[in-house]
Amino acid sequence: MFGKKTLYALMAVFAFLSISALIMNMPEKKDPAVLAKIKPYFPYELTKTVGGLDLLDKRTGEKLKLENAKVFLAYDHYLQEWGKTHLKLDGDTLVILDDKGQKVDTMQLNPRQLSFVKRFFFQPHPQQ
């Protein structure tokens, strides 16, 4: 029914589309020490479900029911949006604020961490 060339072409197209989808849905690389410091204050967390992963709103206990392919992108988006109102830089010190704008924690950043924080939280990102 199908020749070998057609079968190889279909396999190549499928592999290309799969790899493209994987690359497009990869989360941005983050600094683990900065994330560990922020995580207790961030109102969302990744949680395992029967179908894979989902985001849980810690304030309400509600799961956001996202597509598995989009969970990490959504996590990054929510983290960046939250960071706009809850994080400030004071020189090389990261200041973490609560919902009322009161300081709840700080972290001294090394140059690599400072670069990550500036790029991830304070530079405009393309819409997803």
C-alpha atoms as a PDB file:
ATOM      1  CA  MET A   1       0.000   0.000   0.000  1.00  0.00           C
ATOM      2  CA  PHE A   2       2.713   2.503   1.034  1.00  0.00           C
ATOM      3  CA  GLY A   3       6.192   2.421  -0.354  1.00  0.00           C
ATOM      4  CA  LYS A   4       9.225   2.491   1.897  1.00  0.00           C
ATOM      5  CA  LYS A   5       9.962   6.100   0.919  1.00  0.00           C
ATOM      6  CA  THR A   6       6.473   7.217   1.925  1.00  0.00           C
ATOM      7  CA  LEU A   7       6.769   5.437   5.262  1.00  0.00           C
ATOM      8  CA  TYR A   8      10.180   7.030   5.951  1.00  0.00           C
ATOM      9  CA  ALA A   9       8.819  10.458   4.969  1.00  0.00           C
ATOM     10  CA  LEU A  10       5.867  10.068   7.358  1.00  0.00           C
ATOM     11  CA  MET A  11       8.190   8.974  10.173  1.00  0.00           C
ATOM     12  CA  ALA A  12      10.464  11.981   9.527  1.00  0.00           C
ATOM     13  CA  VAL A  13       7.524  14.416   9.533  1.00  0.00           C
ATOM     14  CA  PHE A  14       6.158  12.896  12.748  1.00  0.00           C
ATOM     15  CA  ALA A  15       9.583  13.089  14.431  1.00  0.00           C
ATOM     16  CA  PHE A  16      10.046  16.709  13.317  1.00  0.00           C
ATOM     17  CA  LEU A  17       6.605  17.737  14.642  1.00  0.00           C
ATOM     18  CA  SER A  18       7.183  15.917  17.934  1.00  0.00           C
ATOM     19  CA  ILE A  19      10.563  17.543  18.505  1.00  0.00           C
ATOM     20  CA  SER A  20       9.182  20.970  17.534  1.00  0.00           C
ATOM     21  CA  ALA A  21       6.330  20.632  20.030  1.00  0.00           C
ATOM     22  CA  LEU A  22       8.749  19.534  22.742  1.00  0.00           C
ATOM     23  CA  ILE A  23      11.098  22.473  22.171  1.00  0.00           C
ATOM     24  CA  MET A  24       8.285  25.039  22.059  1.00  0.00           C
ATOM     25  CA  ASN A  25       6.818  23.815  25.364  1.00  0.00           C
ATOM     26  CA  MET A  26      10.086  23.636  27.301  1.00  0.00           C
ATOM     27  CA  PRO A  27      10.154  25.793  30.431  1.00  0.00           C
ATOM     28  CA  GLU A  28      12.788  28.477  30.821  1.00  0.00           C
ATOM     29  CA  LYS A  29      15.888  27.534  32.821  1.00  0.00           C
ATOM     30  CA  LYS A  30      15.689  28.890  36.360  1.00  0.00           C
ATOM     31  CA  ASP A  31      18.133  29.318  39.221  1.00  0.00           C
ATOM     32  CA  PRO A  32      17.336  26.607  41.817  1.00  0.00           C
ATOM     33  CA  ALA A  33      18.461  28.663  44.844  1.00  0.00           C
ATOM     34  CA  VAL A  34      16.264  31.634  43.887  1.00  0.00           C
ATOM     35  CA  LEU A  35      13.280  29.359  43.253  1.00  0.00           C
ATOM     36  CA  ALA A  36      13.779  27.587  46.572  1.00  0.00           C
ATOM     37  CA  LYS A  37      13.676  30.962  48.350  1.00  0.00           C
ATOM     38  CA  ILE A  38      10.573  32.144  46.453  1.00  0.00           C
ATOM     39  CA  LYS A  39       8.614  28.864  46.476  1.00  0.00           C
ATOM     40  CA  PRO A  40       7.093  29.167  49.987  1.00  0.00           C
ATOM     41  CA  TYR A  41       5.557  32.533  49.069  1.00  0.00           C
ATOM     42  CA  PHE A  42       4.405  31.718  45.517  1.00  0.00           C
ATOM     43  CA  PRO A  43       0.665  30.885  45.566  1.00  0.00           C
ATOM     44  CA  TYR A  44       0.851  28.080  42.975  1.00  0.00           C
ATOM     45  CA  GLU A  45       2.544  24.708  43.044  1.00  0.00           C
ATOM     46  CA  LEU A  46       2.969  21.823  40.647  1.00  0.00           C
ATOM     47  CA  THR A  47       0.989  18.776  41.666  1.00  0.00           C
ATOM     48  CA  LYS A  48       0.717  15.265  40.264  1.00  0.00           C
ATOM     49  CA  THR A  49      -2.631  14.108  38.922  1.00  0.00           C
ATOM     50  CA  VAL A  50      -3.797  10.863  37.372  1.00  0.00           C
ATOM     51  CA  GLY A  51      -3.293  12.370  33.909  1.00  0.00           C
ATOM     52  CA  GLY A  52       0.107  13.954  34.595  1.00  0.00           C
ATOM     53  CA  LEU A  53       0.801  17.341  36.191  1.00  0.00           C
ATOM     54  CA  ASP A  54      -1.364  20.324  37.068  1.00  0.00           C
ATOM     55  CA  LEU A  55      -1.086  23.639  38.892  1.00  0.00           C
ATOM     56  CA  LEU A  56      -2.677  23.974  42.298  1.00  0.00           C
ATOM     57  CA  ASP A  57      -3.687  27.358  43.714  1.00  0.00           C
ATOM     58  CA  LYS A  58      -2.505  27.057  47.343  1.00  0.00           C
ATOM     59  CA  ARG A  59      -4.867  29.858  48.433  1.00  0.00           C
ATOM     60  CA  THR A  60      -8.054  28.101  47.305  1.00  0.00           C
ATOM     61  CA  GLY A  61      -6.969  24.486  46.816  1.00  0.00           C
ATOM     62  CA  GLU A  62      -8.307  24.652  43.245  1.00  0.00           C
ATOM     63  CA  LYS A  63      -6.545  22.798  40.426  1.00  0.00           C
ATOM     64  CA  LEU A  64      -6.257  24.835  37.219  1.00  0.00           C
ATOM     65  CA  LYS A  65      -6.773  21.811  34.911  1.00  0.00           C
ATOM     66  CA  LEU A  66      -4.246  22.700  32.221  1.00  0.00           C
ATOM     67  CA  GLU A  67      -3.079  20.613  29.287  1.00  0.00           C
ATOM     68  CA  ASN A  68       0.008  18.595  30.278  1.00  0.00           C
ATOM     69  CA  ALA A  69       2.031  20.177  27.473  1.00  0.00           C
ATOM     70  CA  LYS A  70       1.296  23.668  28.823  1.00  0.00           C
ATOM     71  CA  VAL A  71       1.756  23.145  32.592  1.00  0.00           C
ATOM     72  CA  PHE A  72       5.374  24.325  32.762  1.00  0.00           C
ATOM     73  CA  LEU A  73       4.719  27.302  30.481  1.00  0.00           C
ATOM     74  CA  ALA A  74       1.740  28.292  32.630  1.00  0.00           C
ATOM     75  CA  TYR A  75       3.848  27.890  35.781  1.00  0.00           C
ATOM     76  CA  ASP A  76       6.493  30.222  34.338  1.00  0.00           C
ATOM     77  CA  HIS A  77       3.804  32.727  33.293  1.00  0.00           C
ATOM     78  CA  TYR A  78       2.152  32.775  36.744  1.00  0.00           C
ATOM     79  CA  LEU A  79       5.564  33.022  38.420  1.00  0.00           C
ATOM     80  CA  GLN A  80       6.564  35.996  36.264  1.00  0.00           C
ATOM     81  CA  GLU A  81       3.225  37.763  36.823  1.00  0.00           C
ATOM     82  CA  TRP A  82       3.437  37.172  40.575  1.00  0.00           C
ATOM     83  CA  GLY A  83       7.047  38.395  40.595  1.00  0.00           C
ATOM     84  CA  LYS A  84       6.031  41.744  39.075  1.00  0.00           C
ATOM     85  CA  THR A  85       4.112  42.656  42.237  1.00  0.00           C
ATOM     86  CA  HIS A  86       5.845  40.566  44.899  1.00  0.00           C
ATOM     87  CA  LEU A  87       9.547  40.916  44.095  1.00  0.00           C
ATOM     88  CA  LYS A  88      11.845  43.933  44.169  1.00  0.00           C
ATOM     89  CA  LEU A  89      15.548  44.350  43.644  1.00  0.00           C
ATOM     90  CA  ASP A  90      17.529  46.520  46.040  1.00  0.00           C
ATOM     91  CA  GLY A  91      21.008  46.436  44.535  1.00  0.00           C
ATOM     92  CA  ASP A  92      21.974  42.763  44.685  1.00  0.00           C
ATOM     93  CA  THR A  93      19.303  41.920  47.268  1.00  0.00           C
ATOM     94  CA  LEU A  94      16.028  40.287  46.250  1.00  0.00           C
ATOM     95  CA  VAL A  95      13.154  41.501  48.418  1.00  0.00           C
ATOM     96  CA  ILE A  96      10.052  39.290  48.628  1.00  0.00           C
ATOM     97  CA  LEU A  97       6.777  41.058  49.431  1.00  0.00           C
ATOM     98  CA  ASP A  98       3.418  39.758  50.602  1.00  0.00           C
ATOM     99  CA  ASP A  99       0.051  40.655  49.046  1.00  0.00           C
ATOM    100  CA  LYS A 100      -0.017  43.919  51.008  1.00  0.00           C
ATOM    101  CA  GLY A 101       3.433  44.982  49.793  1.00  0.00           C
ATOM    102  CA  GLN A 102       5.133  44.292  53.134  1.00  0.00           C
ATOM    103  CA  LYS A 103       8.620  42.752  53.144  1.00  0.00           C
ATOM    104  CA  VAL A 104       8.511  39.112  54.222  1.00  0.00           C
ATOM    105  CA  ASP A 105      11.979  37.886  53.197  1.00  0.00           C
ATOM    106  CA  THR A 106      15.210  38.848  51.440  1.00  0.00           C
ATOM    107  CA  MET A 107      17.994  37.051  49.611  1.00  0.00           C
ATOM    108  CA  GLN A 108      21.510  38.187  48.706  1.00  0.00           C
ATOM    109  CA  LEU A 109      22.114  37.361  45.047  1.00  0.00           C
ATOM    110  CA  ASN A 110      25.397  36.462  43.408  1.00  0.00           C
ATOM    111  CA  PRO A 111      25.989  37.873  39.879  1.00  0.00           C
ATOM    112  CA  ARG A 112      24.551  34.796  38.138  1.00  0.00           C
ATOM    113  CA  GLN A 113      21.415  34.837  40.292  1.00  0.00           C
ATOM    114  CA  LEU A 114      21.018  38.594  39.827  1.00  0.00           C
ATOM    115  CA  SER A 115      21.197  38.148  36.058  1.00  0.00           C
ATOM    116  CA  PHE A 116      18.549  35.409  36.206  1.00  0.00           C
ATOM    117  CA  VAL A 117      16.186  37.502  38.359  1.00  0.00           C
ATOM    118  CA  LYS A 118      16.512  40.549  36.100  1.00  0.00           C
ATOM    119  CA  ARG A 119      15.948  38.496  32.944  1.00  0.00           C
ATOM    120  CA  PHE A 120      13.163  36.243  34.217  1.00  0.00           C
ATOM    121  CA  PHE A 121      11.125  38.656  36.336  1.00  0.00           C
ATOM    122  CA  PHE A 122      11.862  42.180  35.159  1.00  0.00           C
ATOM    123  CA  GLN A 123      12.325  42.002  31.371  1.00  0.00           C
ATOM    124  CA  PRO A 124       9.320  41.840  29.038  1.00  0.00           C
ATOM    125  CA  HIS A 125       8.539  38.348  27.750  1.00  0.00           C
ATOM    126  CA  PRO A 126       6.724  37.428  24.544  1.00  0.00           C
ATOM    127  CA  GLN A 127       3.088  36.456  25.009  1.00  0.00           C
ATOM    128  CA  GLN A 128       2.466  32.720  25.025  1.00  0.00           C
END
